Structure formats: structure tokens, C-alpha cells
Protein backbone atom coordinates (compact mmCIF):
# COMPACT_ATOMS: atom_id res chain seq x y z
CA UNK A 1 24.37 22.07 23.62
CA UNK A 2 21.30 20.06 22.61
CA UNK A 3 19.59 20.69 19.29
CA UNK A 4 15.86 21.25 18.91
CA UNK A 5 13.77 18.27 17.80
CA UNK A 6 10.70 19.48 15.91
CA UNK A 7 7.53 17.62 16.89
CA UNK A 8 5.19 17.45 13.90
CA UNK A 9 1.76 16.12 14.91
CA UNK A 10 -0.39 14.55 12.21
CA UNK A 11 -3.26 13.29 14.39
CA UNK A 12 -5.71 15.50 12.48
CA UNK A 13 -4.54 14.23 9.08
CA UNK A 14 -2.93 10.79 9.13
CA UNK A 15 -4.47 9.82 12.47
CA UNK A 16 -7.92 10.69 11.19
CA UNK A 17 -7.49 8.12 8.41
CA UNK A 18 -8.10 5.33 10.93
CA UNK A 19 -11.45 3.66 10.10
CA UNK A 20 -14.20 5.57 11.87
CA UNK A 21 -11.85 8.19 13.32
CA UNK A 22 -13.17 11.09 11.21
CA UNK A 23 -13.68 14.24 13.26
CA UNK A 24 -16.02 17.17 12.84
CA UNK A 25 -14.59 20.66 12.42
CA UNK A 26 -15.40 21.51 16.04
CA UNK A 27 -13.65 18.36 17.26
CA UNK A 28 -10.59 19.11 15.15
CA UNK A 29 -10.37 22.61 16.61
CA UNK A 30 -10.55 21.17 20.14
CA UNK A 31 -7.72 18.75 19.39
CA UNK A 32 -5.68 21.50 17.71
CA UNK A 33 -6.07 23.77 20.76
CA UNK A 34 -4.84 20.97 23.01
CA UNK A 35 -1.86 20.35 20.72
CA UNK A 36 -1.06 24.07 20.84
CA UNK A 37 -1.36 24.01 24.63
CA UNK A 38 1.08 21.09 24.63
CA UNK A 39 3.43 23.27 22.52
CA UNK A 40 3.56 21.04 19.46
CA UNK A 41 5.75 22.72 16.83
CA UNK A 42 3.75 21.81 13.71
CA UNK A 43 0.10 20.72 13.49
CA UNK A 44 -0.78 18.98 10.23
CA UNK A 45 -4.44 19.98 10.16
CA UNK A 46 -5.57 17.97 7.14
CA UNK A 47 -5.55 17.43 3.40
CA UNK A 48 -7.15 20.58 1.95
CA UNK A 49 -7.95 19.13 -1.49
CA UNK A 50 -9.67 16.03 -0.06
CA UNK A 51 -13.03 17.73 0.50
CA UNK A 52 -14.67 21.10 1.22
CA UNK A 53 -15.04 19.97 4.84
CA UNK A 54 -11.32 19.33 5.18
CA UNK A 55 -10.51 22.70 3.60
CA UNK A 56 -12.85 24.50 6.02
CA UNK A 57 -11.40 22.65 9.03
CA UNK A 58 -7.83 23.58 8.10
CA UNK A 59 -8.85 27.19 7.55
CA UNK A 60 -10.64 27.31 10.92
CA UNK A 61 -7.61 25.84 12.69
CA UNK A 62 -5.32 28.30 10.89
CA UNK A 63 -7.45 31.13 12.28
CA UNK A 64 -7.57 29.69 15.81
CA UNK A 65 -3.96 28.61 16.37
CA UNK A 66 -1.25 31.19 17.09
CA UNK A 67 1.66 29.38 18.79
CA UNK A 68 2.09 26.38 16.46
CA UNK A 69 2.70 26.19 12.70
CA UNK A 70 -0.43 25.01 10.86
CA UNK A 71 0.26 22.68 7.94
CA UNK A 72 -1.79 21.26 5.06
CA UNK A 73 -0.86 18.17 3.06
CA UNK A 74 -0.96 18.34 -0.75
CA UNK A 75 -0.11 16.03 -3.60
CA UNK A 76 2.43 17.39 -6.08
CA UNK A 77 -0.30 18.98 -8.19
CA UNK A 78 -1.03 22.65 -8.76
CA UNK A 79 -4.67 22.35 -7.70
CA UNK A 80 -3.87 20.51 -4.44
CA UNK A 81 -1.21 23.05 -3.55
CA UNK A 82 -3.46 26.00 -4.36
CA UNK A 83 -6.15 24.61 -2.05
CA UNK A 84 -3.58 24.12 0.71
CA UNK A 85 -2.25 27.64 0.21
CA UNK A 86 -5.71 29.14 0.55
CA UNK A 87 -6.52 26.99 3.59
CA UNK A 88 -3.43 28.05 5.57
CA UNK A 89 -3.60 31.70 4.49
CA UNK A 90 -5.06 32.91 7.86
CA UNK A 91 -2.30 31.17 9.85
CA UNK A 92 0.23 33.19 11.80
CA UNK A 93 2.72 30.50 10.71
CA UNK A 94 1.71 28.25 7.82
CA UNK A 95 3.34 25.32 6.02
CA UNK A 96 2.55 23.36 2.86
CA UNK A 97 3.59 19.71 2.92
CA UNK A 98 3.73 18.26 -0.59
CA UNK A 99 4.61 14.74 -1.59
CA UNK A 100 5.09 12.34 -4.49
CA UNK A 101 5.91 8.62 -4.56
CA UNK A 102 9.52 7.62 -5.22
CA UNK A 103 9.67 3.81 -4.90
CA UNK A 104 9.89 1.80 -8.14
CA UNK A 105 6.60 0.02 -7.46
CA UNK A 106 4.72 3.26 -6.75
CA UNK A 107 6.18 5.14 -9.72
CA UNK A 108 5.41 2.30 -12.11
CA UNK A 109 2.09 0.96 -10.80
CA UNK A 110 0.43 4.00 -9.22
CA UNK A 111 1.84 7.13 -10.80
CA UNK A 112 2.71 5.55 -14.16
CA UNK A 113 5.54 8.08 -14.41
CA UNK A 114 9.22 7.74 -15.19
CA UNK A 115 11.81 8.75 -12.56
CA UNK A 116 12.64 11.85 -14.65
CA UNK A 117 8.98 12.88 -14.68
CA UNK A 118 8.70 12.37 -10.90
CA UNK A 119 11.70 14.65 -10.24
CA UNK A 120 10.32 17.28 -12.62
CA UNK A 121 6.90 17.19 -10.93
CA UNK A 122 8.43 17.44 -7.46
CA UNK A 123 10.42 20.54 -8.42
CA UNK A 124 7.30 22.14 -9.92
CA UNK A 125 5.40 21.40 -6.71
CA UNK A 126 7.96 23.24 -4.59
CA UNK A 127 7.67 26.25 -6.89
CA UNK A 128 3.88 26.28 -6.66
CA UNK A 129 3.98 25.95 -2.86
CA UNK A 130 6.47 28.80 -2.46
CA UNK A 131 3.91 31.17 -3.98
CA UNK A 132 1.97 30.78 -0.71
CA UNK A 133 4.63 30.26 1.97
CA UNK A 134 8.39 29.99 2.44
CA UNK A 135 7.83 27.03 4.78
CA UNK A 136 7.60 24.11 2.35
CA UNK A 137 8.09 20.47 3.28
CA UNK A 138 8.70 17.71 0.73
CA UNK A 139 8.02 14.02 1.31
CA UNK A 140 9.15 11.10 -0.82
CA UNK A 141 6.22 8.72 -0.40
CA UNK A 142 7.36 5.14 0.27
CA UNK A 143 10.95 6.30 0.78
CA UNK A 144 11.46 3.18 2.89
CA UNK A 145 11.34 1.08 -0.29
CA UNK A 146 12.95 3.61 -2.63
CA UNK A 147 16.40 3.37 -4.17
CA UNK A 148 18.93 5.47 -2.26
CA UNK A 149 20.49 6.94 -5.41
CA UNK A 150 17.11 8.18 -6.63
CA UNK A 151 16.27 9.64 -3.21
CA UNK A 152 19.57 11.57 -3.30
CA UNK A 153 18.71 12.88 -6.76
CA UNK A 154 15.16 14.05 -5.97
CA UNK A 155 16.10 15.53 -2.59
CA UNK A 156 18.95 17.52 -4.15
CA UNK A 157 16.50 18.90 -6.71
CA UNK A 158 13.78 19.94 -4.25
CA UNK A 159 16.29 21.51 -1.86
CA UNK A 160 17.61 23.56 -4.76
CA UNK A 161 13.98 24.53 -5.57
CA UNK A 162 13.47 25.85 -2.03
CA UNK A 163 12.15 23.04 0.21
CA UNK A 164 12.99 23.72 3.87
CA UNK A 165 12.12 20.30 5.36
CA UNK A 166 12.85 16.92 3.78
CA UNK A 167 10.73 14.02 5.02
CA UNK A 168 11.81 10.39 4.56
CA UNK A 169 8.66 8.36 5.31
CA UNK A 170 8.50 4.64 5.94
CA UNK A 171 5.01 4.66 4.44
CA UNK A 172 4.25 0.95 4.76
CA UNK A 173 6.17 0.25 7.98
CA UNK A 174 8.70 -1.96 6.18
CA UNK A 175 12.01 -0.76 7.63
CA UNK A 176 13.88 -1.86 10.74
CA UNK A 177 15.82 0.58 12.97
CA UNK A 178 19.40 -0.18 11.87
CA UNK A 179 18.45 -0.09 8.18
CA UNK A 180 16.39 3.09 8.53
CA UNK A 181 19.12 4.87 10.48
CA UNK A 182 21.68 3.95 7.81
CA UNK A 183 19.41 5.35 5.09
CA UNK A 184 19.13 8.62 7.01
CA UNK A 185 22.91 8.80 7.53
CA UNK A 186 23.62 8.23 3.85
CA UNK A 187 21.11 10.83 2.73
CA UNK A 188 22.50 13.49 5.04
CA UNK A 189 26.06 12.67 3.93
CA UNK A 190 25.40 12.40 0.19
CA UNK A 191 22.76 15.05 -0.62
CA UNK A 192 24.29 18.45 -1.46
CA UNK A 193 23.17 21.27 0.89
CA UNK A 194 21.75 18.72 3.35
CA UNK A 195 22.79 21.07 6.15
CA UNK A 196 20.41 23.74 4.79
CA UNK A 197 17.25 21.73 5.59
CA UNK A 198 15.62 19.92 8.48
CA UNK A 199 15.53 16.15 7.96
CA UNK A 200 12.28 14.54 9.02
CA UNK A 201 10.89 11.04 9.55
CA UNK A 202 7.35 9.66 9.33
CA UNK A 203 7.07 6.02 10.37
CA UNK A 204 4.17 3.59 10.27
CA UNK A 205 3.76 0.81 12.79
CA UNK A 206 2.99 -2.24 10.62
CA UNK A 207 5.81 -4.23 12.26
CA UNK A 208 5.51 -2.46 15.61
CA UNK A 209 8.68 -0.46 14.91
CA UNK A 210 7.41 3.08 14.24
CA UNK A 211 8.80 4.57 17.46
CA UNK A 212 12.04 2.56 17.27
CA UNK A 213 12.62 3.57 13.65
CA UNK A 214 11.90 7.23 14.43
CA UNK A 215 14.32 7.30 17.36
CA UNK A 216 17.01 5.50 15.36
CA UNK A 217 16.65 8.17 12.68
CA UNK A 218 16.98 10.93 15.28
CA UNK A 219 20.29 9.41 16.39
CA UNK A 220 21.30 9.39 12.71
CA UNK A 221 20.58 13.10 12.27
CA UNK A 222 16.81 13.58 11.79
CA UNK A 223 15.56 16.72 13.54
CA UNK A 224 11.81 16.41 12.96
CA UNK A 225 9.58 13.48 13.91
CA UNK A 226 6.08 13.14 12.50
CA UNK A 227 3.83 11.38 14.97
CA UNK A 228 0.30 11.16 16.40
CA UNK A 229 -1.38 11.14 19.78
CA UNK A 230 -1.77 7.53 21.01
CA UNK A 231 -0.06 6.35 17.81
CA UNK A 232 -3.38 6.81 16.00
CA UNK A 233 -3.37 6.14 12.27
CA UNK A 234 -4.51 3.86 9.51
CA UNK A 235 -3.60 0.17 9.59
CA UNK A 236 -1.37 -0.34 12.65
CA UNK A 237 -0.96 3.40 13.22
CA UNK A 238 1.91 5.90 13.39
CA UNK A 239 4.72 6.62 15.81
CA UNK A 240 3.20 7.68 19.14
CA UNK A 241 4.01 11.29 20.06
CA UNK A 242 3.99 10.59 23.79
CA UNK A 243 6.52 7.76 23.43
CA UNK A 244 8.86 9.78 21.20
CA UNK A 245 8.81 12.81 23.49
CA UNK A 246 9.27 10.87 26.74
CA UNK A 247 12.02 8.66 25.28
CA UNK A 248 14.02 11.75 24.29
CA UNK A 249 13.38 13.37 27.65
CA UNK A 250 14.02 10.28 29.79
CA UNK A 251 17.15 9.22 27.88
CA UNK A 252 18.76 12.63 27.66
CA UNK A 253 22.07 10.80 28.09
CA UNK A 254 21.57 9.17 24.68
CA UNK A 255 19.74 11.72 22.56
CA UNK A 256 21.49 14.98 21.59
CA UNK A 257 18.14 16.73 21.18
CA UNK A 258 15.31 18.17 23.24
CA UNK A 259 11.71 19.15 22.51
CA UNK A 260 9.67 22.13 23.66
CA UNK A 261 6.67 19.93 24.55
CA UNK A 262 4.83 20.62 27.81
CA UNK A 263 4.71 16.99 28.88
CA UNK A 264 2.14 17.65 31.63
CA UNK A 265 -0.43 18.02 28.83
CA UNK A 266 0.19 14.56 27.35
CA UNK A 267 -2.44 12.61 29.28
CA UNK A 268 -5.08 15.28 28.61
CA UNK A 269 -4.32 15.10 24.88
CA UNK A 270 -4.45 11.31 24.94
CA UNK A 271 -7.83 11.23 26.65
CA UNK A 272 -9.29 13.90 24.37
CA UNK A 273 -8.24 12.11 21.18
CA UNK A 274 -9.38 8.74 22.50
CA UNK A 275 -12.76 10.16 23.45
CA UNK A 276 -13.38 11.97 20.18
CA UNK A 277 -12.26 9.15 17.88
CA UNK A 278 -13.66 6.27 19.91
CA UNK A 279 -10.28 4.53 19.91
CA UNK A 280 -9.67 3.48 23.55
CA UNK A 281 -6.16 3.41 24.98
CA UNK A 282 -5.07 -0.07 26.08
CA UNK A 283 -4.28 -0.24 29.82
CA UNK A 284 -0.67 -1.34 29.23
CA UNK A 285 0.05 1.39 26.65
CA UNK A 286 3.34 3.16 27.35
CA UNK A 287 3.12 6.57 29.07
CA UNK A 288 -0.66 7.10 28.76
CA UNK A 289 -2.13 3.66 29.57
CA UNK A 290 -4.07 3.30 32.83
CA UNK A 291 -1.45 0.83 34.11
CA UNK A 292 1.61 2.76 32.94
CA UNK A 293 2.47 3.75 36.53
CA UNK A 294 0.70 0.92 38.40
CA UNK A 295 2.71 -1.62 40.40
CA UNK A 296 1.11 -4.97 41.23
CA UNK A 297 4.15 -6.96 42.29
CA UNK A 298 4.95 -6.78 46.00
CA UNK A 299 8.64 -6.49 45.24
CA UNK A 300 7.98 -3.57 42.88
CA UNK A 301 5.63 -1.87 45.37
CA UNK A 302 8.20 -2.17 48.15
CA UNK A 303 10.93 -0.76 45.92
CA UNK A 304 8.84 2.19 44.74
CA UNK A 305 7.82 3.06 48.31
CA UNK A 306 11.44 3.07 49.40
CA UNK A 307 12.72 4.95 46.37
CA UNK A 308 10.58 5.74 43.32
CA UNK A 309 13.35 5.35 40.78
CA UNK A 310 13.90 1.69 41.64
CA UNK A 311 11.04 0.81 39.27
CA UNK A 312 9.87 4.10 37.75
CA UNK A 313 11.89 5.87 35.07
CA UNK A 314 9.33 8.70 34.72
CA UNK A 315 7.13 10.54 37.18
CA UNK A 316 3.39 10.15 36.62
CA UNK A 317 2.82 13.86 37.22
CA UNK A 318 5.35 14.76 34.51
CA UNK A 319 2.99 13.48 31.83
CA UNK A 320 -0.15 14.86 33.46
CA UNK A 321 -1.57 11.95 35.45
CA UNK A 322 -2.07 13.98 38.62
CA UNK A 323 -3.91 16.85 36.93
CA UNK A 324 -7.31 15.15 36.73
CA UNK A 325 -9.10 16.34 39.82
CA UNK A 326 -12.54 17.17 41.16
CA UNK A 327 -13.50 20.57 39.77
CA UNK A 328 -17.21 21.27 40.01
CA UNK A 329 -20.42 20.29 41.78
CA UNK A 330 -24.14 20.92 41.49
CA UNK A 331 -23.85 24.31 43.20
CA UNK A 332 -21.32 25.60 40.68
CA UNK A 333 -22.51 28.47 38.49
CA UNK A 334 -22.37 29.12 34.77
CA UNK A 335 -19.22 31.27 34.99
CA UNK A 336 -17.33 28.63 36.98
CA UNK A 337 -18.41 26.04 34.43
CA UNK A 338 -17.27 28.24 31.53
CA UNK A 339 -13.94 29.04 33.21
CA UNK A 340 -13.16 25.38 33.83
CA UNK A 341 -13.94 24.53 30.20
CA UNK A 342 -11.51 27.25 29.10
CA UNK A 343 -8.83 25.82 31.42
CA UNK A 344 -9.37 22.47 29.71
CA UNK A 345 -8.91 24.10 26.31
CA UNK A 346 -12.59 23.82 25.42
CA UNK A 347 -14.14 26.87 23.75
CA UNK A 348 -17.77 26.75 22.69
CA UNK A 349 -18.90 28.69 19.64
CA UNK A 350 -21.90 30.53 21.07
CA UNK A 351 -23.87 31.35 24.21
CA UNK A 352 -26.55 29.00 22.95
CA UNK A 353 -24.09 26.10 22.82
CA UNK A 354 -22.68 27.05 26.24
CA UNK A 355 -26.17 27.21 27.75
CA UNK A 356 -27.06 23.80 26.34
CA UNK A 357 -23.84 22.31 27.74
CA UNK A 358 -24.45 23.97 31.13
CA UNK A 359 -27.96 22.55 31.25
CA UNK A 360 -26.50 19.10 30.60
CA UNK A 361 -23.93 19.73 33.35
CA UNK A 362 -26.66 20.60 35.88
CA UNK A 363 -28.58 17.49 34.88
CA UNK A 364 -25.44 15.41 35.40
CA UNK A 365 -24.66 17.07 38.74
CA UNK A 366 -28.06 16.00 40.06
CA UNK A 367 -27.19 12.38 39.28
CA UNK A 368 -23.50 12.41 40.17
CA UNK A 369 -22.04 14.04 43.28
CA UNK A 370 -18.49 14.44 41.98
CA UNK A 371 -17.82 15.98 38.57
CA UNK A 372 -14.35 15.37 37.13
CA UNK A 373 -12.51 16.85 34.16
CA UNK A 374 -13.18 13.66 32.20
CA UNK A 375 -16.91 14.14 32.81
CA UNK A 376 -16.73 17.64 31.35
CA UNK A 377 -14.89 16.42 28.26
CA UNK A 378 -17.54 13.75 27.72
CA UNK A 379 -20.40 16.14 28.37
CA UNK A 380 -19.12 18.71 25.90
CA UNK A 381 -18.24 16.03 23.33
CA UNK A 382 -21.80 14.76 23.55
CA UNK A 383 -22.98 18.31 22.90
CA UNK A 384 -20.45 19.36 20.26
CA UNK A 385 -20.07 16.08 18.37
CA UNK A 386 -23.67 16.25 17.22
CA UNK A 387 -24.04 17.77 13.74
CA UNK A 388 -25.47 21.28 13.71
CA UNK A 389 -28.72 20.07 12.22
CA UNK A 390 -29.70 16.82 13.96
CA UNK A 391 -31.83 14.64 11.74
CA UNK A 392 -32.53 12.20 14.58
CA UNK A 393 -33.17 13.32 18.17
CA UNK A 394 -33.98 11.15 21.16
CA UNK A 395 -37.19 12.33 22.80
CA UNK A 396 -38.03 9.40 25.08
CA UNK A 397 -36.64 5.99 25.99
CA UNK A 398 -37.97 3.26 28.23
CA UNK A 399 -36.46 -0.20 28.72
CA UNK A 400 -37.72 -3.18 30.74
CA UNK A 401 -35.51 -6.13 31.59
CA UNK A 402 -36.34 -9.02 33.90
CA UNK A 403 -35.04 -12.51 34.56
CA UNK A 404 -36.26 -15.05 32.03
CA UNK A 405 -37.96 -12.50 29.78
CA UNK A 406 -36.77 -10.82 26.59
CA UNK A 407 -35.86 -7.16 27.25
CA UNK A 408 -38.20 -4.66 25.62
CA UNK A 409 -37.45 -1.08 24.55
CA UNK A 410 -39.73 1.80 23.63
CA UNK A 411 -38.28 4.89 21.98
CA UNK A 412 -39.67 8.11 20.59
CA UNK A 413 -37.46 9.88 18.03
CA UNK A 414 -37.83 13.27 16.45
CA UNK A 415 -36.97 12.70 12.79
CA UNK A 416 -36.77 15.86 10.73
CA UNK A 417 -39.24 17.58 13.05
CA UNK A 418 -41.75 14.71 13.23
CA UNK A 419 -42.03 12.35 16.22
CA UNK A 420 -42.06 8.60 15.67
CA UNK A 421 -42.58 5.86 18.26
CA UNK A 422 -41.33 2.27 18.08
CA UNK A 423 -41.03 -0.79 20.31
CA UNK A 424 -38.69 -3.76 19.95
CA UNK A 425 -37.30 -6.73 21.84
CA UNK A 426 -33.71 -7.85 21.86
CA UNK A 427 -31.01 -10.01 23.41
CA UNK A 428 -30.35 -7.27 25.96
CA UNK A 429 -31.60 -3.76 26.79
CA UNK A 430 -29.08 -2.11 24.43
CA UNK A 431 -29.87 -4.52 21.60
CA UNK A 432 -33.58 -3.85 22.06
CA UNK A 433 -32.99 -0.09 22.04
CA UNK A 434 -30.91 -0.22 18.87
CA UNK A 435 -33.54 -2.35 17.13
CA UNK A 436 -36.28 0.11 18.13
CA UNK A 437 -34.21 3.00 16.76
CA UNK A 438 -33.51 1.13 13.53
CA UNK A 439 -37.18 0.33 13.03
CA UNK A 440 -37.71 4.08 12.76
CA UNK A 441 -34.50 5.12 11.01
CA UNK A 442 -34.29 2.19 8.59
CA UNK A 443 -30.67 3.12 7.90
CA UNK A 444 -29.47 -0.35 6.96
CA UNK A 445 -26.10 0.51 8.52
CA UNK A 446 -23.83 -2.25 9.79
CA UNK A 447 -22.74 -2.02 13.43
CA UNK A 448 -18.96 -2.59 13.42
CA UNK A 449 -18.17 -1.68 17.01
CA UNK A 450 -19.96 -1.19 20.31
CA UNK A 451 -17.65 -0.12 23.11
CA UNK A 452 -18.37 0.98 26.68
CA UNK A 453 -15.92 2.68 29.03
CA UNK A 454 -16.40 4.10 32.52
CA UNK A 455 -15.18 7.69 32.38
CA UNK A 456 -14.29 7.88 36.08
CA UNK A 457 -14.39 5.60 39.11
CA UNK A 458 -17.45 4.77 41.19
CA UNK A 459 -20.82 3.21 40.47
CA UNK A 460 -22.24 6.64 39.61
CA UNK A 461 -19.65 7.13 36.87
CA UNK A 462 -20.77 8.19 33.44
CA UNK A 463 -20.61 5.46 30.87
CA UNK A 464 -19.04 6.55 27.61
CA UNK A 465 -20.27 4.58 24.60
CA UNK A 466 -18.77 4.44 21.13
CA UNK A 467 -20.62 2.89 18.19
CA UNK A 468 -19.05 2.48 14.78
CA UNK A 469 -21.41 2.21 11.80
CA UNK A 470 -20.68 1.43 8.17
CA UNK A 471 -22.86 2.14 5.16
CA UNK A 472 -22.05 2.49 1.48
CA UNK A 473 -18.30 2.45 2.08
CA UNK A 474 -18.50 5.17 4.75
CA UNK A 475 -17.49 4.50 8.35
CA UNK A 476 -18.42 6.83 11.20
CA UNK A 477 -18.11 6.86 14.99
CA UNK A 478 -20.89 7.91 17.31
CA UNK A 479 -20.31 8.98 20.91
CA UNK A 480 -22.66 9.25 23.86
CA UNK A 481 -22.24 9.63 27.60
CA UNK A 482 -24.65 9.30 30.50
CA UNK A 483 -24.87 7.77 33.96
CA UNK A 484 -27.51 5.49 32.38
CA UNK A 485 -25.60 3.21 30.02
CA UNK A 486 -28.67 2.47 27.87
CA UNK A 487 -29.32 6.19 27.33
CA UNK A 488 -25.62 6.68 26.54
CA UNK A 489 -25.87 3.84 24.01
CA UNK A 490 -28.94 5.35 22.35
CA UNK A 491 -27.24 8.74 22.11
CA UNK A 492 -24.13 7.16 20.65
CA UNK A 493 -26.09 5.25 18.00
CA UNK A 494 -28.10 8.32 17.03
CA UNK A 495 -24.93 10.40 16.90
CA UNK A 496 -23.49 7.95 14.37
CA UNK A 497 -26.72 7.97 12.34
CA UNK A 498 -26.62 11.77 12.25
CA UNK A 499 -23.07 11.67 10.92
CA UNK A 500 -24.14 9.25 8.19
CA UNK A 501 -26.94 11.67 7.29
CA UNK A 502 -24.61 14.65 7.18
CA UNK A 503 -23.63 15.81 3.70
CA UNK A 504 -20.50 17.44 5.10
CA UNK A 505 -18.63 14.21 5.83
CA UNK A 506 -15.21 13.97 4.30
CA UNK A 507 -14.73 12.19 0.97
CA UNK A 508 -11.15 11.01 0.93
CA UNK A 509 -8.72 11.24 -1.90
CA UNK A 510 -8.21 7.54 -2.43
CA UNK A 511 -4.84 5.83 -2.61
CA UNK A 512 -2.60 8.68 -1.50
CA UNK A 513 -0.77 8.75 1.79
CA UNK A 514 2.71 9.13 3.19
């Protein structure tokens, strides 16, 4: 009989630490609802002590989610753990995930603590966390470079103190599968009462081995994998949830475990996270890439037509590729629009927000005959992503572009309730538009990324634009969508400027991660 493999998703915490991938509270709730719909076991909603915004997001997710455990990360400090405890208090099922570094280099250079002090602090942390919940997870930060004897010692102590899950993270992506699996085997064999806890892994992808290391650890006895949608995460990212889940499912002959994930929701989750964070999915990405089930070779096409399994080890529909279909048109009413949003896991906060989104839908339907699910996601993102109080609003835009002449843009912006007009030329219509906006905003922000993707097929497809701006050490993403790519670009740029203006943006706790 197969054992249950716990899927612990940290897209909203570790994934959000990718440069520019910060999400608003509303966006985090949308992602959390999709994860719940996908039947993820544990949703790590954030780092409660990092900022008031993070605390509020975790609390809101704890209130909204009923079928998944909601988790908050905390350093091994009483204040961090108290904030996490308060944040998850509304959850039907809540977890506190506390951690402390255990590698010699981290203990000496970062913590400036002796091994004895680290063990003592870890035990205290478990005690503090158990005042709020019985579901306490402990992580040994940089376990991949820690000494095995010390890991055995600290894990024995925290298990005795009441930890229910023991996480062995490869924080810097240093391990290789055979080595990592052997570490897991030794820990399970040597640590007293190892059978009383769930052993977990959290792998980073610096050497491209996050998924391989995670799966090797599962074969060695791990029964929880910490992962993210699309492998999102800082540096080279984390283990990709979709790859872990489909590997276990597809190779049931190898893995003695199974997950409870509804795999038909994988593609929807991938597209939602990609859209919100502005991190596009490469076409050849496993499982969720656009080419994952495409066959160019004539030999492959012939084989698939004769018998699918000659060249396909998974069915496209099993991960949700066939679910994206035409849903609405310009004659659709407000109730049909609202119902379809609910089916997509999108819940808007108020009638005012719904009405604004519906007005945008009608406007889009006049331009575009076929409205797809992806269009609705983009439309609502464009509505919801915007901060509650927009400092900059696009009132008017006009662009002229002709052969041999420099493109010219005219924009009118509402800035804090006052309209301003500006004109500018540029190397192209988008460049001219951005320069006109900047001449009004005067933000001084550096443009790090400008990315355009067609949301659906056809020449009337909406263009989805992501801009990434940096200023004063802060990095934000802006999103905009429209059938007019210049308008989408302007909306995206203004969206990013509004995020820079917002005082609610997250201030990270520097230097701490697992």
C-alpha cells in the first residue's frame, strides 16, 4: 500500500523572493485559492515577521482557506514565532515552520553562535511555537552543508521538544542526488524517534538538481516535498511542484508514494503564477511548457497518431491542458461573467470591483470576438493588481509612428487627482510612451525588464506586458493587458510605478532563508 507524500507549496513565501515577484494580498489569495483547488496539503503563505503586509496576507489566507493547512515561516525567535502564531490563528488547520542555521559556516559567520547555543535556541523555538499550534515544523537551514552528527543531535532534540515535521533543506543547491539520498537515509536510521515525524526536503536549483534531489530523498524515506509552482524562487529557483507530482504519478512503479493533488489544475496554477509574477514559462519547460506535448518530428507524429504512448508518457488533459476553452462572448451577462470567474477560482472583494471588471470585459468583448479563460485571468489581474489607491492613472494615450520618422507619444495622466499632459519621442511607440509617462512621474526608476506575451492565439489576442522596475533597492513587477500592445505597455508601466509608490510593499528580513 502506497504512503502519502505531503506536497508543501512555498510559492507564496520562497517563490515570492524571486526579484520582482512580490505579490499583493489580493494576488496571494488568488494563488492560495488555486493551490487549495489543486489540493495542495500545506500552503506556506509567507513570513509573518517580515512586514505588516506579509502578516496581513497570511492572516487573510488563513481566513480564506479551509481544505489546506496554512503555514507561516519564522526564525527561531520568540517575536517571529508570536507573529506567525497570530497570523495563522484564523486557519482551520495552521502550522508554524521555524528554522535556524546548522552548517559550520552559517553558525560561525551569520549567527555567531556555538553549536550548543543553536541546539538550545531550536528547542526553545519549538516550545514557543507549540503555544499556538501542535503542527510545528523545524528546518535546519543549510542542512546540505551541515555535519551529519550535528544534524542528528539537533533533530533528536527538536523531536523530543515536539516538532512534528523535520525538514532537511539544501539551501544553496549544493548537493547531488546520491549524496542527498544518503544523508536522508542516515538521518532516518540514526535519529531516535525518527518514525514519529514526517521527514521533509526543500531543494534549491542552483545546479539544476532540485527535482532530482527531492525525488532521490523521497526514495530514501522523505514523505514531504517543499516545492513551488513553475519552480519559482530566488536565484535559480526551487523544485517544481508540477515535475515532482507528475514524476511520482507517472513512475508509480518506482515510487512507493502517492499525492492527493488534482493534476488537472496544474496548468491553471502555472499560468496564474506566471501571469501574476511576470515570470514567463519557457516553451520547453517540463509538464507546463507550451511545447511539453507538441511533436514536430514526423516519426514522432506518426507514432503518436498510431498509439499515444509511443512518445507520450503523460496525457495532456491529465495536467489540465484541455481545460482552456472558449467561455464567454459580448452577449454574456454579469451573472455569467461572475460565475465563470468563480469557476476559475477568482473571487472579487466587492460589487464595485466586480462591476469594474465586468465593464472591462464588455470593452474587451467589443474588440475581441472570442474570450478565453486566459483573457479573464489577465483582465482581472489588470483590475486587481492595481493598488487600492492609484497614484497614477492613464486618462489618454495617443501614439503616431510612420516610416522614417521618430515615433511620438502623447499621454494624459491623473496624478493624485490632478491631470498632467506630456509628449515625447522615442526609438519606438512603447519607448516614446514610457518617456512621456516618465516626464510626468519623474520616478527615476530603472527599467530592468520589458516582456510581451500573447495571451491566446489570433491577431486579435490580448497582449500581456510585464515591466520590472528598480528604485532604491526595491524591485517591482507591473502587469497590463490589452488588445493594443502600446496601451498594455502603458498600463504595465503605471502599475509598476503605483507599486513603487505604495507604502504597503514588503520589506524583507534580510539574509534569512531556507
